[in-house]
Amino acid sequence: MSSLKPTGFDGDTLEIIAFRLHDQEFCVKTTTIREIRGWAPSTPIPHSPPEVLGVMNLRGTVIPIIDLAHKLGMKSTVANERSAIVVAEVHNMVIGLVVDRVSDILTVRSNQVQPVPEITTSFDKSFAEGIIANENGMICFLNLARMFKERETEELTASA
């Protein structure tokens, strides 16, 4: 088995946005993020994939809203007033990712990103770019492009 190595870093530092799902910290590159919105209910779509909560109108464009916890194999998020929708662009498609709350925007050194250990059962390891250890604990660095395959984003667009 080969370990996944972080890719696409700009120089020695990397800007990330950290957020919480249940009691775990995750992050993605800020370059994939368009905006962060407060929680708003979405309109359900019949026969959509289980991780798709529905769709919402983002300034005239209908985008799918994804339960990121469910996508990662965790218990679905129960949205509340502290929840947020992280609007990201993946494979030229805009999607909304529901998270429990946004924690911080951080700049980390690329050498702080360590490979995901071989013994991991709580999520699909291919979704992770690596693990970042900092003074507040560990952050799982997600790779949205691998998480949402190009074919999958086309299907999400079709259902929206």
N, C-alpha and C. Protein backbone atom coordinates (compact mmCIF):
# COMPACT_ATOMS: atom_id res chain seq x y z
N MET A 1 0.84 -1.19 0.00
CA MET A 1 0.00 0.00 0.00
C MET A 1 0.87 1.24 0.00
N SER A 2 0.52 2.18 -0.84
CA SER A 2 1.29 3.42 -0.87
C SER A 2 0.56 4.48 -0.07
N SER A 3 1.29 5.30 0.63
CA SER A 3 0.65 6.38 1.38
C SER A 3 0.44 7.56 0.44
N LEU A 4 -0.66 8.27 0.66
CA LEU A 4 -0.97 9.43 -0.18
C LEU A 4 -0.11 10.59 0.28
N LYS A 5 0.48 11.27 -0.66
CA LYS A 5 1.30 12.43 -0.33
C LYS A 5 0.54 13.70 -0.69
N PRO A 6 0.65 14.74 0.11
CA PRO A 6 -0.02 16.00 -0.20
C PRO A 6 0.43 16.54 -1.54
N THR A 7 -0.50 17.08 -2.29
CA THR A 7 -0.19 17.63 -3.61
C THR A 7 -0.73 19.03 -3.75
N GLY A 8 -0.20 19.77 -4.69
CA GLY A 8 -0.74 21.08 -5.05
C GLY A 8 -0.50 22.17 -4.03
N PHE A 9 0.60 22.14 -3.31
CA PHE A 9 0.87 23.18 -2.34
C PHE A 9 1.57 24.36 -2.99
N ASP A 10 1.26 25.54 -2.51
CA ASP A 10 1.89 26.75 -3.03
C ASP A 10 3.09 27.09 -2.15
N GLY A 11 4.29 26.78 -2.63
CA GLY A 11 5.49 27.10 -1.87
C GLY A 11 5.57 26.32 -0.58
N ASP A 12 6.03 26.99 0.47
CA ASP A 12 6.22 26.32 1.76
C ASP A 12 5.00 26.42 2.67
N THR A 13 4.04 27.26 2.33
CA THR A 13 2.87 27.41 3.19
C THR A 13 1.59 27.10 2.43
N LEU A 14 0.57 26.84 3.20
CA LEU A 14 -0.72 26.43 2.67
C LEU A 14 -1.81 27.10 3.50
N GLU A 15 -2.77 27.74 2.84
CA GLU A 15 -3.89 28.34 3.56
C GLU A 15 -5.04 27.37 3.57
N ILE A 16 -5.57 27.13 4.77
CA ILE A 16 -6.67 26.18 4.92
C ILE A 16 -7.80 26.80 5.72
N ILE A 17 -8.99 26.27 5.52
CA ILE A 17 -10.12 26.64 6.35
C ILE A 17 -10.48 25.40 7.15
N ALA A 18 -10.52 25.54 8.47
CA ALA A 18 -10.80 24.42 9.36
C ALA A 18 -12.26 24.49 9.81
N PHE A 19 -12.88 23.31 9.95
CA PHE A 19 -14.27 23.24 10.39
C PHE A 19 -14.47 21.95 11.18
N ARG A 20 -15.58 21.93 11.92
CA ARG A 20 -15.87 20.76 12.76
C ARG A 20 -17.05 19.99 12.20
N LEU A 21 -16.93 18.67 12.30
CA LEU A 21 -18.03 17.74 12.06
C LEU A 21 -18.07 16.85 13.28
N HIS A 22 -19.15 16.91 14.02
CA HIS A 22 -19.26 16.20 15.30
C HIS A 22 -18.10 16.66 16.18
N ASP A 23 -17.27 15.78 16.66
CA ASP A 23 -16.17 16.21 17.52
C ASP A 23 -14.83 16.16 16.80
N GLN A 24 -14.86 16.13 15.48
CA GLN A 24 -13.61 16.02 14.72
C GLN A 24 -13.36 17.29 13.91
N GLU A 25 -12.10 17.61 13.75
CA GLU A 25 -11.68 18.79 12.99
C GLU A 25 -11.22 18.35 11.60
N PHE A 26 -11.69 19.07 10.58
CA PHE A 26 -11.31 18.81 9.20
C PHE A 26 -10.91 20.14 8.58
N CYS A 27 -10.25 20.09 7.42
CA CYS A 27 -9.92 21.31 6.72
C CYS A 27 -9.82 21.04 5.23
N VAL A 28 -9.91 22.12 4.45
CA VAL A 28 -9.71 22.08 3.00
C VAL A 28 -8.91 23.31 2.62
N LYS A 29 -8.30 23.29 1.42
CA LYS A 29 -7.57 24.45 0.94
C LYS A 29 -8.54 25.61 0.71
N THR A 30 -8.13 26.81 1.08
CA THR A 30 -9.00 27.97 0.88
C THR A 30 -9.22 28.25 -0.60
N THR A 31 -8.32 27.80 -1.46
CA THR A 31 -8.48 28.06 -2.90
C THR A 31 -9.70 27.36 -3.49
N THR A 32 -10.22 26.33 -2.80
CA THR A 32 -11.41 25.64 -3.30
C THR A 32 -12.70 26.28 -2.79
N ILE A 33 -12.58 27.22 -1.84
CA ILE A 33 -13.75 27.80 -1.18
C ILE A 33 -14.15 29.11 -1.83
N ARG A 34 -15.44 29.22 -2.13
CA ARG A 34 -15.97 30.47 -2.69
C ARG A 34 -16.49 31.40 -1.60
N GLU A 35 -17.20 30.82 -0.64
CA GLU A 35 -17.75 31.62 0.46
C GLU A 35 -18.24 30.71 1.57
N ILE A 36 -18.53 31.32 2.72
CA ILE A 36 -19.10 30.60 3.86
C ILE A 36 -20.42 31.29 4.19
N ARG A 37 -21.47 30.49 4.26
CA ARG A 37 -22.79 31.04 4.53
C ARG A 37 -23.32 30.45 5.83
N GLY A 38 -24.22 31.20 6.46
CA GLY A 38 -24.92 30.66 7.62
C GLY A 38 -25.87 29.56 7.16
N TRP A 39 -26.32 28.76 8.12
CA TRP A 39 -27.22 27.66 7.79
C TRP A 39 -28.54 28.20 7.27
N ALA A 40 -29.03 27.59 6.22
CA ALA A 40 -30.36 27.86 5.67
C ALA A 40 -30.87 26.52 5.15
N PRO A 41 -32.15 26.23 5.36
CA PRO A 41 -32.67 24.94 4.88
C PRO A 41 -32.61 24.85 3.36
N SER A 42 -32.46 23.63 2.86
CA SER A 42 -32.42 23.40 1.42
C SER A 42 -33.72 22.72 0.99
N THR A 43 -33.96 22.73 -0.29
CA THR A 43 -35.14 22.09 -0.86
C THR A 43 -34.78 20.66 -1.24
N PRO A 44 -35.45 19.66 -0.62
CA PRO A 44 -35.12 18.27 -0.94
C PRO A 44 -35.42 17.92 -2.40
N ILE A 45 -34.63 17.00 -2.95
CA ILE A 45 -34.81 16.51 -4.31
C ILE A 45 -35.12 15.01 -4.22
N PRO A 46 -36.28 14.58 -4.78
CA PRO A 46 -36.61 13.14 -4.72
C PRO A 46 -35.55 12.28 -5.42
N HIS A 47 -35.28 11.12 -4.84
CA HIS A 47 -34.36 10.11 -5.39
C HIS A 47 -32.93 10.61 -5.55
N SER A 48 -32.53 11.61 -4.77
CA SER A 48 -31.14 12.07 -4.83
C SER A 48 -30.28 11.14 -3.97
N PRO A 49 -28.96 11.16 -4.18
CA PRO A 49 -28.07 10.33 -3.35
C PRO A 49 -28.26 10.67 -1.87
N PRO A 50 -28.01 9.72 -0.97
CA PRO A 50 -28.28 9.94 0.46
C PRO A 50 -27.53 11.12 1.08
N GLU A 51 -26.33 11.45 0.55
CA GLU A 51 -25.59 12.58 1.14
C GLU A 51 -26.08 13.93 0.64
N VAL A 52 -26.97 13.96 -0.35
CA VAL A 52 -27.49 15.22 -0.86
C VAL A 52 -28.72 15.61 -0.06
N LEU A 53 -28.59 16.70 0.72
CA LEU A 53 -29.71 17.18 1.53
C LEU A 53 -30.78 17.85 0.68
N GLY A 54 -30.35 18.43 -0.44
CA GLY A 54 -31.26 19.14 -1.32
C GLY A 54 -30.50 20.16 -2.14
N VAL A 55 -31.21 21.20 -2.54
CA VAL A 55 -30.59 22.26 -3.32
C VAL A 55 -30.96 23.61 -2.71
N MET A 56 -30.16 24.62 -3.02
CA MET A 56 -30.48 25.99 -2.59
C MET A 56 -30.13 26.96 -3.70
N ASN A 57 -30.74 28.12 -3.65
CA ASN A 57 -30.51 29.17 -4.63
C ASN A 57 -29.38 30.05 -4.12
N LEU A 58 -28.28 30.07 -4.86
CA LEU A 58 -27.14 30.92 -4.51
C LEU A 58 -27.04 32.01 -5.58
N ARG A 59 -27.65 33.15 -5.29
CA ARG A 59 -27.65 34.30 -6.21
C ARG A 59 -28.05 33.90 -7.63
N GLY A 60 -29.15 33.17 -7.75
CA GLY A 60 -29.68 32.82 -9.06
C GLY A 60 -29.20 31.49 -9.62
N THR A 61 -28.25 30.83 -8.94
CA THR A 61 -27.77 29.52 -9.38
C THR A 61 -28.19 28.48 -8.36
N VAL A 62 -28.78 27.39 -8.83
CA VAL A 62 -29.20 26.30 -7.95
C VAL A 62 -28.00 25.38 -7.73
N ILE A 63 -27.64 25.18 -6.45
CA ILE A 63 -26.49 24.32 -6.12
C ILE A 63 -26.93 23.20 -5.18
N PRO A 64 -26.29 22.02 -5.31
CA PRO A 64 -26.60 20.93 -4.38
C PRO A 64 -25.96 21.19 -3.01
N ILE A 65 -26.67 20.78 -1.97
CA ILE A 65 -26.18 20.91 -0.60
C ILE A 65 -25.87 19.50 -0.09
N ILE A 66 -24.61 19.29 0.30
CA ILE A 66 -24.11 17.97 0.68
C ILE A 66 -23.94 17.88 2.19
N ASP A 67 -24.43 16.79 2.77
CA ASP A 67 -24.18 16.47 4.17
C ASP A 67 -22.77 15.87 4.22
N LEU A 68 -21.78 16.70 4.52
CA LEU A 68 -20.38 16.27 4.47
C LEU A 68 -20.10 15.14 5.46
N ALA A 69 -20.72 15.18 6.62
CA ALA A 69 -20.51 14.11 7.60
C ALA A 69 -20.96 12.77 7.00
N HIS A 70 -22.11 12.73 6.38
CA HIS A 70 -22.61 11.50 5.76
C HIS A 70 -21.68 11.04 4.65
N LYS A 71 -21.20 11.99 3.83
CA LYS A 71 -20.27 11.67 2.74
C LYS A 71 -19.01 11.01 3.28
N LEU A 72 -18.58 11.40 4.48
CA LEU A 72 -17.37 10.86 5.09
C LEU A 72 -17.64 9.58 5.89
N GLY A 73 -18.89 9.08 5.85
CA GLY A 73 -19.22 7.85 6.55
C GLY A 73 -19.53 8.05 8.02
N MET A 74 -19.80 9.28 8.41
CA MET A 74 -20.13 9.60 9.80
C MET A 74 -21.65 9.72 9.93
N LYS A 75 -22.12 9.83 11.16
CA LYS A 75 -23.53 10.08 11.41
C LYS A 75 -23.89 11.44 10.79
N SER A 76 -25.05 11.51 10.15
CA SER A 76 -25.47 12.76 9.49
C SER A 76 -25.49 13.93 10.45
N THR A 77 -25.19 15.10 9.91
CA THR A 77 -25.21 16.33 10.69
C THR A 77 -26.65 16.76 10.94
N VAL A 78 -26.93 17.16 12.16
CA VAL A 78 -28.22 17.77 12.47
C VAL A 78 -27.95 19.27 12.52
N ALA A 79 -28.43 19.97 11.51
CA ALA A 79 -28.12 21.40 11.38
C ALA A 79 -28.80 22.20 12.48
N ASN A 80 -28.10 23.26 12.93
CA ASN A 80 -28.65 24.19 13.91
C ASN A 80 -28.14 25.59 13.58
N GLU A 81 -28.40 26.55 14.45
CA GLU A 81 -28.01 27.94 14.16
C GLU A 81 -26.51 28.15 14.08
N ARG A 82 -25.70 27.23 14.62
CA ARG A 82 -24.24 27.35 14.54
C ARG A 82 -23.68 26.67 13.30
N SER A 83 -24.50 25.90 12.60
CA SER A 83 -24.04 25.21 11.40
C SER A 83 -23.72 26.22 10.31
N ALA A 84 -22.92 25.78 9.36
CA ALA A 84 -22.55 26.65 8.24
C ALA A 84 -22.57 25.84 6.95
N ILE A 85 -22.69 26.56 5.86
CA ILE A 85 -22.58 25.96 4.53
C ILE A 85 -21.31 26.52 3.91
N VAL A 86 -20.35 25.64 3.67
CA VAL A 86 -19.10 26.03 3.02
C VAL A 86 -19.33 25.81 1.53
N VAL A 87 -19.34 26.90 0.77
CA VAL A 87 -19.58 26.82 -0.67
C VAL A 87 -18.23 26.63 -1.35
N ALA A 88 -18.08 25.50 -2.04
CA ALA A 88 -16.81 25.13 -2.66
C ALA A 88 -17.00 24.91 -4.15
N GLU A 89 -15.90 25.03 -4.89
CA GLU A 89 -15.91 24.70 -6.31
C GLU A 89 -15.04 23.47 -6.52
N VAL A 90 -15.67 22.43 -7.07
CA VAL A 90 -14.99 21.16 -7.31
C VAL A 90 -15.28 20.75 -8.75
N HIS A 91 -14.25 20.51 -9.53
CA HIS A 91 -14.41 20.13 -10.95
C HIS A 91 -15.33 21.12 -11.68
N ASN A 92 -15.12 22.41 -11.47
CA ASN A 92 -15.91 23.47 -12.10
C ASN A 92 -17.39 23.44 -11.75
N MET A 93 -17.73 22.79 -10.63
CA MET A 93 -19.10 22.78 -10.15
C MET A 93 -19.15 23.35 -8.73
N VAL A 94 -20.15 24.18 -8.46
CA VAL A 94 -20.29 24.77 -7.14
C VAL A 94 -21.22 23.89 -6.30
N ILE A 95 -20.75 23.54 -5.09
CA ILE A 95 -21.54 22.73 -4.16
C ILE A 95 -21.49 23.37 -2.78
N GLY A 96 -22.48 23.10 -1.97
CA GLY A 96 -22.50 23.56 -0.59
C GLY A 96 -22.27 22.39 0.34
N LEU A 97 -21.34 22.53 1.27
CA LEU A 97 -21.01 21.48 2.23
C LEU A 97 -21.48 21.90 3.62
N VAL A 98 -22.37 21.12 4.21
CA VAL A 98 -22.87 21.45 5.54
C VAL A 98 -21.87 20.96 6.58
N VAL A 99 -21.44 21.88 7.45
CA VAL A 99 -20.52 21.56 8.54
C VAL A 99 -21.13 22.05 9.84
N ASP A 100 -20.67 21.49 10.97
CA ASP A 100 -21.21 21.90 12.27
C ASP A 100 -20.87 23.36 12.57
N ARG A 101 -19.62 23.72 12.29
CA ARG A 101 -19.21 25.12 12.43
C ARG A 101 -17.84 25.31 11.82
N VAL A 102 -17.57 26.50 11.34
CA VAL A 102 -16.25 26.83 10.82
C VAL A 102 -15.40 27.26 12.00
N SER A 103 -14.19 26.71 12.09
CA SER A 103 -13.32 26.97 13.24
C SER A 103 -12.38 28.13 12.99
N ASP A 104 -11.65 28.09 11.85
CA ASP A 104 -10.58 29.06 11.67
C ASP A 104 -10.07 29.02 10.24
N ILE A 105 -9.39 30.07 9.84
CA ILE A 105 -8.61 30.07 8.61
C ILE A 105 -7.16 30.12 9.06
N LEU A 106 -6.38 29.14 8.62
CA LEU A 106 -5.01 28.98 9.11
C LEU A 106 -4.02 28.96 7.96
N THR A 107 -2.80 29.36 8.26
CA THR A 107 -1.68 29.17 7.34
C THR A 107 -0.76 28.16 8.01
N VAL A 108 -0.52 27.05 7.31
CA VAL A 108 0.36 26.02 7.86
C VAL A 108 1.51 25.78 6.90
N ARG A 109 2.61 25.29 7.43
CA ARG A 109 3.73 24.92 6.59
C ARG A 109 3.41 23.58 5.92
N SER A 110 3.77 23.43 4.68
CA SER A 110 3.45 22.20 3.96
C SER A 110 4.08 20.97 4.61
N ASN A 111 5.20 21.16 5.32
CA ASN A 111 5.82 20.01 5.98
C ASN A 111 5.07 19.59 7.25
N GLN A 112 4.05 20.36 7.67
CA GLN A 112 3.22 19.97 8.80
C GLN A 112 2.18 18.92 8.40
N VAL A 113 1.92 18.76 7.11
CA VAL A 113 0.94 17.81 6.63
C VAL A 113 1.60 16.44 6.55
N GLN A 114 1.11 15.53 7.39
CA GLN A 114 1.67 14.18 7.45
C GLN A 114 0.75 13.20 6.74
N PRO A 115 1.30 12.10 6.20
CA PRO A 115 0.45 11.11 5.53
C PRO A 115 -0.57 10.51 6.49
N VAL A 116 -1.70 10.09 5.94
CA VAL A 116 -2.72 9.42 6.75
C VAL A 116 -2.18 8.05 7.15
N PRO A 117 -2.28 7.68 8.43
CA PRO A 117 -1.80 6.36 8.85
C PRO A 117 -2.57 5.25 8.14
N GLU A 118 -1.93 4.11 7.98
CA GLU A 118 -2.55 2.96 7.34
C GLU A 118 -3.76 2.45 8.11
N ILE A 119 -3.75 2.59 9.44
CA ILE A 119 -4.83 2.07 10.27
C ILE A 119 -5.85 3.17 10.52
N THR A 120 -6.83 3.27 9.64
CA THR A 120 -7.87 4.27 9.76
C THR A 120 -9.16 3.63 9.30
N THR A 121 -10.18 3.60 10.16
CA THR A 121 -11.43 2.95 9.79
C THR A 121 -12.61 3.89 9.70
N SER A 122 -12.48 5.13 10.18
CA SER A 122 -13.66 5.98 10.27
C SER A 122 -14.01 6.72 8.97
N PHE A 123 -13.10 6.74 7.99
CA PHE A 123 -13.43 7.41 6.72
C PHE A 123 -12.57 6.84 5.60
N ASP A 124 -13.01 7.09 4.37
CA ASP A 124 -12.27 6.61 3.21
C ASP A 124 -10.96 7.39 3.12
N LYS A 125 -9.84 6.71 3.27
CA LYS A 125 -8.54 7.36 3.32
C LYS A 125 -8.23 8.14 2.04
N SER A 126 -8.80 7.73 0.91
CA SER A 126 -8.52 8.44 -0.33
C SER A 126 -9.09 9.85 -0.32
N PHE A 127 -10.02 10.12 0.59
CA PHE A 127 -10.59 11.47 0.71
C PHE A 127 -9.63 12.42 1.40
N ALA A 128 -8.63 11.89 2.09
CA ALA A 128 -7.75 12.71 2.91
C ALA A 128 -6.43 12.99 2.21
N GLU A 129 -6.02 14.24 2.26
CA GLU A 129 -4.73 14.68 1.73
C GLU A 129 -3.63 14.38 2.76
N GLY A 130 -4.02 14.40 4.04
CA GLY A 130 -3.07 14.16 5.11
C GLY A 130 -3.65 14.58 6.44
N ILE A 131 -2.81 14.58 7.46
CA ILE A 131 -3.19 14.97 8.81
C ILE A 131 -2.26 16.11 9.24
N ILE A 132 -2.86 17.13 9.83
CA ILE A 132 -2.08 18.27 10.34
C ILE A 132 -2.18 18.24 11.86
N ALA A 133 -1.04 18.14 12.51
CA ALA A 133 -1.00 18.19 13.98
C ALA A 133 -0.63 19.61 14.38
N ASN A 134 -1.46 20.21 15.23
CA ASN A 134 -1.12 21.54 15.74
C ASN A 134 -1.38 21.57 17.25
N GLU A 135 -1.21 22.73 17.85
CA GLU A 135 -1.33 22.83 19.31
C GLU A 135 -2.74 22.52 19.81
N ASN A 136 -3.75 22.63 18.94
CA ASN A 136 -5.13 22.36 19.35
C ASN A 136 -5.58 20.93 19.05
N GLY A 137 -4.70 20.11 18.49
CA GLY A 137 -5.07 18.74 18.18
C GLY A 137 -4.75 18.39 16.74
N MET A 138 -5.48 17.43 16.20
CA MET A 138 -5.24 16.95 14.84
C MET A 138 -6.36 17.42 13.93
N ILE A 139 -5.98 17.76 12.68
CA ILE A 139 -6.93 18.19 11.67
C ILE A 139 -6.77 17.28 10.46
N CYS A 140 -7.87 16.69 10.02
CA CYS A 140 -7.84 15.86 8.82
C CYS A 140 -7.99 16.77 7.60
N PHE A 141 -7.00 16.75 6.73
CA PHE A 141 -6.95 17.61 5.56
C PHE A 141 -7.61 16.89 4.39
N LEU A 142 -8.81 17.35 4.00
CA LEU A 142 -9.61 16.69 2.97
C LEU A 142 -9.22 17.14 1.56
N ASN A 143 -9.36 16.24 0.61
CA ASN A 143 -9.14 16.54 -0.80
C ASN A 143 -10.49 16.45 -1.50
N LEU A 144 -11.12 17.59 -1.76
CA LEU A 144 -12.46 17.61 -2.35
C LEU A 144 -12.49 17.03 -3.75
N ALA A 145 -11.42 17.20 -4.51
CA ALA A 145 -11.39 16.68 -5.89
C ALA A 145 -11.46 15.15 -5.89
N ARG A 146 -10.80 14.52 -4.92
CA ARG A 146 -10.87 13.06 -4.83
C ARG A 146 -12.18 12.61 -4.20
N MET A 147 -12.70 13.42 -3.28
CA MET A 147 -13.94 13.07 -2.60
C MET A 147 -15.13 13.08 -3.56
N PHE A 148 -15.14 14.07 -4.44
CA PHE A 148 -16.22 14.20 -5.43
C PHE A 148 -15.60 13.96 -6.80
N LYS A 149 -15.70 12.76 -7.28
CA LYS A 149 -15.16 12.42 -8.60
C LYS A 149 -15.89 13.25 -9.65
N GLU A 150 -15.26 13.47 -10.79
CA GLU A 150 -15.84 14.31 -11.83
C GLU A 150 -17.21 13.79 -12.28
N ARG A 151 -17.34 12.49 -12.45
CA ARG A 151 -18.61 11.90 -12.86
C ARG A 151 -19.70 12.17 -11.82
N GLU A 152 -19.30 12.10 -10.56
CA GLU A 152 -20.24 12.32 -9.46
C GLU A 152 -20.73 13.76 -9.45
N THR A 153 -19.85 14.73 -9.70
CA THR A 153 -20.27 16.12 -9.71
C THR A 153 -21.23 16.38 -10.86
N GLU A 154 -21.03 15.69 -11.99
CA GLU A 154 -21.97 15.83 -13.11
C GLU A 154 -23.34 15.30 -12.72
N GLU A 155 -23.40 14.18 -11.97
CA GLU A 155 -24.68 13.64 -11.51
C GLU A 155 -25.35 14.57 -10.52
N LEU A 156 -24.56 15.20 -9.63
CA LEU A 156 -25.12 16.14 -8.68
C LEU A 156 -25.73 17.34 -9.40
N THR A 157 -25.04 17.82 -10.43
CA THR A 157 -25.55 18.93 -11.22
C THR A 157 -26.84 18.56 -11.91
N ALA A 158 -26.91 17.34 -12.42
CA ALA A 158 -28.12 16.88 -13.12
C ALA A 158 -29.29 16.82 -12.15
N SER A 159 -29.05 16.40 -10.88
CA SER A 159 -30.16 16.32 -9.92
C SER A 159 -30.56 17.70 -9.42
N ALA A 160 -29.65 18.68 -9.50
CA ALA A 160 -29.97 20.04 -9.08
C ALA A 160 -30.69 20.72 -10.22
